[in-house]
């Protein structure tokens, strides 16, 4: 079986390192700190927080993971939050319904029991639109009362929290911030993959969550450590590989967790047991990935404006020492004025094509960068 897993939550032997990050997060959350974790999509946040929550449970904390990716309305936020929280309460459907009913002191919504594929019960809820904010207050204050009654601590994780910031108004943000600042026994973790959005939520003085949580930017895994992980996976499955070739895989994928696993997975698929993985085979694996993604990348490219295309190509070709707003760079790639480039960078950030940290700009999809370089330069 291919030992390289991508595109899903990984744990155990498939999870690469992050020991220092896990240790720090477990310590901070255990001590009651609220945390904001941000990084580009597919960077391993969900897998990381899964490892953290597992260790917190061993320390005796209640843990709740709430995936907000499907949220497109204020009502969605309430329903998804309650469903995730209710799973904590009981494995018995009668008890879980009885306990959740005690949450609601301001409103009396219609509650019903649902079951996941493995038979785990959870609570669904129906309520009128004008009850949305009292419902949210009751849900989280009810959780807090439950945690206090059990004389324990809890950790609540909101994944893709930037979805809340994109709702039709800011009342969910305001309501939630007003509630959780009183919850001393619960640590809240806010994770986001659209960094410019979630960063604004926690650093804009006009937003409710301004300066409410410690920042925890998730960095890339050390390439040497990642290469050792890749090498071990190949060797343990009968594929010979030199340390330098394993490092070549990591460097080609720019040490991005998802794309490193994808490239290693693709190279492993074509390798024969007992035969050595070479740099040439890695390049062949890159080309196979680009062929598979050709239609998607072409569609993305076709939907960019001419100015966006020129800027994207310039970002692919730029040298390490190039300054994208310098007169020399603008002239070399015929990009117009610096204000035009600034608008272009902002538009590519909004589209999720690039990420920006200070003066450093990176492609969110490593293979898109390779495709642009191959096809357009």
Protein backbone atom coordinates (compact mmCIF):
# COMPACT_ATOMS: atom_id res chain seq x y z
CA UNK A 1 0.00 0.00 0.00
CA UNK A 2 1.23 3.48 -0.87
CA UNK A 3 2.62 4.98 2.37
CA UNK A 4 2.14 8.60 1.34
CA UNK A 5 -1.28 9.98 2.30
CA UNK A 6 -2.64 13.30 1.03
CA UNK A 7 -6.03 14.97 0.67
CA UNK A 8 -7.34 13.68 3.99
CA UNK A 9 -6.71 13.98 7.69
CA UNK A 10 -3.64 11.99 8.69
CA UNK A 11 -2.56 10.68 12.06
CA UNK A 12 -0.17 8.28 13.71
CA UNK A 13 2.65 7.04 11.49
CA UNK A 14 1.37 9.10 8.54
CA UNK A 15 1.75 12.35 10.47
CA UNK A 16 5.12 14.02 9.96
CA UNK A 17 6.79 15.58 12.98
CA UNK A 18 5.33 18.92 14.22
CA UNK A 19 6.33 17.80 17.72
CA UNK A 20 7.35 21.29 18.86
CA UNK A 21 4.10 22.79 17.56
CA UNK A 22 2.05 20.06 19.25
CA UNK A 23 3.86 20.57 22.54
CA UNK A 24 3.38 24.34 22.46
CA UNK A 25 -0.30 24.16 21.50
CA UNK A 26 -1.09 21.55 24.17
CA UNK A 27 0.61 23.72 26.78
CA UNK A 28 -1.12 26.96 25.71
CA UNK A 29 -4.59 25.42 25.42
CA UNK A 30 -4.25 23.53 28.71
CA UNK A 31 -3.42 26.79 30.47
CA UNK A 32 -6.58 28.48 29.15
CA UNK A 33 -5.19 30.48 26.26
CA UNK A 34 -7.32 31.19 23.18
CA UNK A 35 -5.35 30.57 19.97
CA UNK A 36 -5.65 31.70 16.35
CA UNK A 37 -3.90 29.30 13.93
CA UNK A 38 -3.47 30.37 10.32
CA UNK A 39 -1.75 28.99 7.24
CA UNK A 40 -2.57 28.36 3.59
CA UNK A 41 -5.07 25.61 2.72
CA UNK A 42 -3.76 22.03 2.64
CA UNK A 43 -1.02 22.89 5.09
CA UNK A 44 -1.94 20.22 7.64
CA UNK A 45 -3.82 22.32 10.20
CA UNK A 46 -6.62 19.79 10.63
CA UNK A 47 -4.21 16.89 11.05
CA UNK A 48 -2.15 18.93 13.51
CA UNK A 49 -5.11 19.91 15.64
CA UNK A 50 -6.28 16.29 15.63
CA UNK A 51 -2.99 15.29 17.25
CA UNK A 52 -3.31 18.15 19.74
CA UNK A 53 -6.88 17.26 20.70
CA UNK A 54 -5.89 13.63 21.23
CA UNK A 55 -3.25 14.69 23.74
CA UNK A 56 -5.60 17.12 25.45
CA UNK A 57 -8.15 14.32 25.91
CA UNK A 58 -5.46 12.24 27.61
CA UNK A 59 -4.92 15.18 29.98
CA UNK A 60 -8.62 15.04 30.88
CA UNK A 61 -9.99 17.92 28.78
CA UNK A 62 -13.25 17.78 26.86
CA UNK A 63 -12.54 18.46 23.17
CA UNK A 64 -14.90 19.68 20.44
CA UNK A 65 -14.04 20.13 16.77
CA UNK A 66 -16.40 22.32 14.70
CA UNK A 67 -15.86 22.43 10.94
CA UNK A 68 -17.29 25.71 9.66
CA UNK A 69 -16.41 25.19 5.99
CA UNK A 70 -20.09 24.52 5.04
CA UNK A 71 -21.32 27.68 6.78
CA UNK A 72 -23.00 30.14 4.40
CA UNK A 73 -25.53 31.68 6.81
CA UNK A 74 -25.84 32.71 10.44
CA UNK A 75 -28.30 29.86 10.98
CA UNK A 76 -25.78 27.35 9.60
CA UNK A 77 -23.29 28.45 12.24
CA UNK A 78 -25.76 27.70 15.03
CA UNK A 79 -26.81 24.31 13.63
CA UNK A 80 -23.29 23.06 12.90
CA UNK A 81 -21.99 24.24 16.27
CA UNK A 82 -24.76 22.49 18.20
CA UNK A 83 -24.37 19.26 16.25
CA UNK A 84 -20.62 19.13 17.00
CA UNK A 85 -21.02 20.10 20.64
CA UNK A 86 -23.81 17.60 21.27
CA UNK A 87 -21.59 14.68 20.22
CA UNK A 88 -19.56 15.32 23.38
CA UNK A 89 -22.48 14.92 25.72
CA UNK A 90 -23.57 11.30 25.52
CA UNK A 91 -23.59 8.14 23.42
CA UNK A 92 -27.18 7.56 24.51
CA UNK A 93 -29.76 9.28 22.28
CA UNK A 94 -32.28 9.82 25.09
CA UNK A 95 -29.70 11.31 27.43
CA UNK A 96 -28.20 13.55 24.79
CA UNK A 97 -31.57 15.09 23.95
CA UNK A 98 -32.36 15.62 27.61
CA UNK A 99 -29.01 17.29 28.27
CA UNK A 100 -29.17 19.60 25.26
CA UNK A 101 -32.65 20.77 26.24
CA UNK A 102 -31.14 22.18 29.43
CA UNK A 103 -28.93 24.46 27.31
CA UNK A 104 -31.84 26.61 26.22
CA UNK A 105 -32.97 29.25 28.70
CA UNK A 106 -33.82 32.13 26.36
CA UNK A 107 -35.61 30.26 23.56
CA UNK A 108 -37.31 26.90 23.04
CA UNK A 109 -36.22 25.57 19.65
CA UNK A 110 -37.30 22.27 18.15
CA UNK A 111 -34.63 19.63 18.80
CA UNK A 112 -34.27 16.19 17.25
CA UNK A 113 -31.72 13.36 17.28
CA UNK A 114 -29.64 12.51 14.21
CA UNK A 115 -27.15 9.68 13.73
CA UNK A 116 -23.85 9.58 11.84
CA UNK A 117 -22.83 6.61 9.71
CA UNK A 118 -21.12 4.96 12.71
CA UNK A 119 -24.24 5.38 14.84
CA UNK A 120 -23.04 8.32 16.92
CA UNK A 121 -26.00 10.46 18.02
CA UNK A 122 -26.05 14.24 17.63
CA UNK A 123 -28.66 16.95 17.96
CA UNK A 124 -30.33 18.79 15.09
CA UNK A 125 -32.23 22.01 15.68
CA UNK A 126 -34.96 24.07 14.07
CA UNK A 127 -35.62 27.69 15.01
CA UNK A 128 -36.95 30.88 13.51
CA UNK A 129 -34.53 33.33 11.95
CA UNK A 130 -35.14 35.99 14.59
CA UNK A 131 -34.06 33.49 17.28
CA UNK A 132 -30.60 32.93 15.73
CA UNK A 133 -28.52 35.00 18.12
CA UNK A 134 -30.29 33.90 21.35
CA UNK A 135 -29.86 30.30 20.10
CA UNK A 136 -26.10 30.84 19.63
CA UNK A 137 -25.84 32.33 23.11
CA UNK A 138 -27.74 29.43 24.65
CA UNK A 139 -25.65 26.82 22.82
CA UNK A 140 -22.29 28.10 24.01
CA UNK A 141 -23.42 29.16 27.46
CA UNK A 142 -25.04 25.73 27.81
CA UNK A 143 -21.73 24.10 26.92
CA UNK A 144 -19.96 26.27 29.46
CA UNK A 145 -22.44 25.29 32.18
CA UNK A 146 -21.94 21.61 31.31
CA UNK A 147 -18.14 21.94 31.52
CA UNK A 148 -18.30 23.78 34.83
CA UNK A 149 -20.72 21.22 36.25
CA UNK A 150 -18.25 18.45 35.38
CA UNK A 151 -15.44 20.46 37.02
CA UNK A 152 -13.25 20.04 33.95
CA UNK A 153 -11.70 22.14 31.23
CA UNK A 154 -12.55 22.06 27.53
CA UNK A 155 -11.07 23.00 24.17
CA UNK A 156 -13.31 24.09 21.29
CA UNK A 157 -11.81 24.27 17.79
CA UNK A 158 -13.43 26.32 15.02
CA UNK A 159 -11.93 25.19 11.71
CA UNK A 160 -12.22 27.58 8.72
CA UNK A 161 -13.28 30.34 11.10
CA UNK A 162 -12.94 32.96 8.37
CA UNK A 163 -16.33 31.71 7.12
CA UNK A 164 -17.89 33.58 10.04
CA UNK A 165 -16.21 36.78 8.88
CA UNK A 166 -17.77 36.41 5.44
CA UNK A 167 -21.37 36.14 6.64
CA UNK A 168 -23.98 38.75 5.68
CA UNK A 169 -23.42 40.78 8.84
CA UNK A 170 -21.10 40.85 11.83
CA UNK A 171 -23.64 39.86 14.48
CA UNK A 172 -22.39 36.27 14.78
CA UNK A 173 -18.88 37.62 15.38
CA UNK A 174 -20.15 40.09 17.99
CA UNK A 175 -22.41 37.54 19.68
CA UNK A 176 -19.71 34.87 19.88
CA UNK A 177 -17.05 37.28 21.12
CA UNK A 178 -19.36 38.54 23.86
CA UNK A 179 -20.04 35.00 25.04
CA UNK A 180 -16.65 33.35 25.02
CA UNK A 181 -14.77 36.12 26.82
CA UNK A 182 -16.59 34.97 29.98
CA UNK A 183 -15.73 31.27 29.53
CA UNK A 184 -12.73 30.79 31.78
CA UNK A 185 -12.84 26.99 31.69
CA UNK A 186 -12.87 26.76 27.89
CA UNK A 187 -10.03 27.49 25.48
CA UNK A 188 -11.13 28.43 21.96
CA UNK A 189 -8.99 27.70 18.90
CA UNK A 190 -9.74 29.58 15.68
CA UNK A 191 -8.23 28.13 12.52
CA UNK A 192 -8.25 29.70 9.08
CA UNK A 193 -6.80 29.03 5.64
CA UNK A 194 -7.64 32.36 3.99
CA UNK A 195 -4.94 34.14 5.89
CA UNK A 196 -5.71 37.68 4.84
CA UNK A 197 -9.33 37.23 5.99
CA UNK A 198 -8.70 35.61 9.36
CA UNK A 199 -5.77 37.94 10.01
CA UNK A 200 -8.12 40.90 9.55
CA UNK A 201 -10.64 39.38 11.97
CA UNK A 202 -8.06 39.30 14.77
CA UNK A 203 -5.95 42.37 13.96
CA UNK A 204 -8.46 44.94 12.78
CA UNK A 205 -9.35 47.18 15.76
CA UNK A 206 -12.87 47.55 14.35
CA UNK A 207 -13.58 43.79 14.48
CA UNK A 208 -14.98 42.02 17.58
CA UNK A 209 -12.11 39.52 17.89
CA UNK A 210 -9.38 42.18 17.81
CA UNK A 211 -6.44 41.07 20.00
CA UNK A 212 -8.56 38.33 21.59
CA UNK A 213 -6.24 35.38 20.91
CA UNK A 214 -2.58 34.46 20.68
CA UNK A 215 -1.38 34.10 17.09
CA UNK A 216 0.08 30.79 15.95
CA UNK A 217 1.18 30.92 12.29
CA UNK A 218 1.83 27.40 11.05
CA UNK A 219 5.17 27.23 9.24
CA UNK A 220 6.52 24.69 6.79
CA UNK A 221 8.10 21.52 8.12
CA UNK A 222 11.90 21.64 8.21
CA UNK A 223 13.01 20.25 4.80
CA UNK A 224 15.69 17.99 6.35
CA UNK A 225 13.22 16.48 8.81
CA UNK A 226 10.64 16.11 6.05
CA UNK A 227 13.19 14.44 3.78
CA UNK A 228 14.04 11.91 6.51
CA UNK A 229 10.31 11.13 6.82
CA UNK A 230 9.99 10.66 3.04
CA UNK A 231 13.11 8.48 2.85
CA UNK A 232 11.93 6.23 5.67
CA UNK A 233 8.53 5.73 4.00
CA UNK A 234 10.18 4.64 0.74
CA UNK A 235 12.66 2.32 2.44
CA UNK A 236 10.02 0.70 4.67
CA UNK A 237 8.05 -0.28 1.57
CA UNK A 238 10.93 -1.73 -0.40
CA UNK A 239 11.79 1.29 -2.56
CA UNK A 240 15.41 2.37 -2.38
CA UNK A 241 16.07 6.10 -2.27
CA UNK A 242 19.08 8.24 -1.44
CA UNK A 243 18.80 10.99 1.14
CA UNK A 244 19.55 13.60 -1.50
CA UNK A 245 16.72 12.34 -3.71
CA UNK A 246 14.28 12.45 -0.83
CA UNK A 247 15.36 16.03 -0.19
CA UNK A 248 14.84 16.73 -3.91
CA UNK A 249 11.19 15.66 -3.53
CA UNK A 250 10.74 18.00 -0.56
CA UNK A 251 12.46 20.93 -2.28
CA UNK A 252 10.55 20.42 -5.52
CA UNK A 253 7.31 20.65 -3.55
CA UNK A 254 8.73 23.60 -1.54
CA UNK A 255 8.28 21.64 1.72
CA UNK A 256 4.53 22.13 1.46
CA UNK A 257 2.97 19.20 3.41
CA UNK A 258 0.21 18.36 0.92
CA UNK A 259 2.25 18.72 -2.26
CA UNK A 260 5.25 16.88 -0.82
CA UNK A 261 3.02 13.94 0.05
CA UNK A 262 1.39 14.13 -3.40
CA UNK A 263 4.70 14.10 -5.24
CA UNK A 264 6.10 11.29 -3.11
CA UNK A 265 2.84 9.33 -3.57
CA UNK A 266 3.03 9.70 -7.35
CA UNK A 267 6.71 8.72 -7.49
CA UNK A 268 6.06 5.68 -5.30
CA UNK A 269 3.19 4.51 -7.55
CA UNK A 270 5.47 4.17 -10.56
CA UNK A 271 8.43 2.67 -8.69
CA UNK A 272 9.15 -1.04 -8.72
CA UNK A 273 9.90 -2.76 -5.44
CA UNK A 274 13.63 -3.07 -4.93
CA UNK A 275 14.46 -0.44 -7.58
CA UNK A 276 15.96 2.90 -6.64
CA UNK A 277 14.01 6.14 -6.87
CA UNK A 278 16.08 8.62 -8.89
CA UNK A 279 15.84 12.35 -9.58
CA UNK A 280 14.72 11.51 -13.12
CA UNK A 281 11.81 9.50 -11.76
CA UNK A 282 10.85 12.43 -9.54
CA UNK A 283 10.75 14.73 -12.57
CA UNK A 284 8.60 12.15 -14.40
CA UNK A 285 6.22 12.16 -11.40
CA UNK A 286 6.02 15.97 -11.56
CA UNK A 287 5.07 15.78 -15.23
CA UNK A 288 2.35 13.20 -14.51
CA UNK A 289 0.83 15.50 -11.89
CA UNK A 290 0.91 18.45 -14.29
CA UNK A 291 -0.79 16.35 -16.97
CA UNK A 292 -3.55 15.38 -14.54
CA UNK A 293 -4.07 18.99 -13.50
CA UNK A 294 -3.88 20.42 -17.03
CA UNK A 295 -7.63 21.00 -17.40
CA UNK A 296 -8.01 22.62 -13.97
CA UNK A 297 -4.99 24.87 -14.42
CA UNK A 298 -6.04 25.86 -17.93
CA UNK A 299 -9.51 26.78 -16.68
CA UNK A 300 -8.03 28.87 -13.86
CA UNK A 301 -5.66 30.61 -16.28
CA UNK A 302 -8.42 31.36 -18.77
CA UNK A 303 -10.44 33.10 -16.05
CA UNK A 304 -7.66 35.53 -15.15
CA UNK A 305 -7.39 38.98 -16.62
CA UNK A 306 -4.44 39.83 -18.84
CA UNK A 307 -2.84 41.91 -16.06
CA UNK A 308 -3.27 39.05 -13.57
CA UNK A 309 -1.65 36.62 -16.02
CA UNK A 310 1.32 38.92 -16.58
CA UNK A 311 1.79 39.40 -12.85
CA UNK A 312 1.49 35.68 -12.13
CA UNK A 313 4.10 34.85 -14.77
CA UNK A 314 6.40 37.55 -13.40
CA UNK A 315 6.05 36.05 -9.90
CA UNK A 316 7.01 32.64 -11.28
CA UNK A 317 10.11 33.98 -13.03
CA UNK A 318 11.30 36.43 -10.36
CA UNK A 319 14.63 35.88 -8.70
CA UNK A 320 15.13 35.62 -4.95
CA UNK A 321 16.49 39.15 -4.77
CA UNK A 322 13.92 40.78 -7.06
CA UNK A 323 11.63 43.40 -5.54
CA UNK A 324 8.26 43.23 -7.31
CA UNK A 325 7.50 46.91 -6.81
CA UNK A 326 10.90 48.09 -8.01
CA UNK A 327 11.14 50.07 -11.24
CA UNK A 328 13.47 47.44 -12.75
CA UNK A 329 11.07 44.58 -12.07
CA UNK A 330 8.04 46.49 -13.34
CA UNK A 331 9.88 47.40 -16.54
CA UNK A 332 11.32 43.92 -17.14
CA UNK A 333 7.88 42.27 -17.10
CA UNK A 334 5.90 45.22 -18.48
CA UNK A 335 3.65 45.35 -15.41
CA UNK A 336 2.77 49.03 -15.43
CA UNK A 337 2.82 51.06 -12.24
CA UNK A 338 3.44 49.81 -8.70
CA UNK A 339 -0.19 50.63 -7.82
CA UNK A 340 -1.33 48.33 -10.65
CA UNK A 341 0.82 45.53 -9.23
CA UNK A 342 -0.55 46.17 -5.73
CA UNK A 343 -4.08 45.77 -7.04
CA UNK A 344 -3.01 42.64 -8.89
CA UNK A 345 -1.49 41.11 -5.77
CA UNK A 346 -4.65 41.86 -3.82
CA UNK A 347 -6.83 40.23 -6.49
CA UNK A 348 -4.67 37.08 -6.56
CA UNK A 349 -4.78 36.93 -2.76
CA UNK A 350 -8.58 37.17 -2.86
CA UNK A 351 -8.71 34.35 -5.41
CA UNK A 352 -6.54 32.21 -3.14
CA UNK A 353 -3.86 31.77 -5.82
CA UNK A 354 -1.03 33.33 -3.81
CA UNK A 355 -0.19 34.00 -0.19
CA UNK A 356 1.75 36.98 1.16
CA UNK A 357 3.80 37.24 4.33
CA UNK A 358 5.49 40.61 4.57
CA UNK A 359 7.41 41.02 1.31
CA UNK A 360 7.39 37.28 0.58
CA UNK A 361 4.83 36.04 -1.96
CA UNK A 362 4.26 32.32 -2.53
CA UNK A 363 1.94 30.25 -4.68
CA UNK A 364 -0.65 28.32 -2.68
CA UNK A 365 -0.47 25.53 -5.27
CA UNK A 366 3.13 24.50 -5.92
CA UNK A 367 2.17 22.61 -9.08
CA UNK A 368 0.30 25.58 -10.50
CA UNK A 369 3.55 27.50 -10.23
CA UNK A 370 5.41 24.71 -12.05
CA UNK A 371 2.67 24.56 -14.69
CA UNK A 372 2.80 28.30 -15.37
CA UNK A 373 6.58 28.16 -15.65
CA UNK A 374 6.45 25.21 -18.05
CA UNK A 375 3.55 26.32 -20.22
CA UNK A 376 3.76 30.13 -20.27
CA UNK A 377 7.42 31.09 -19.97
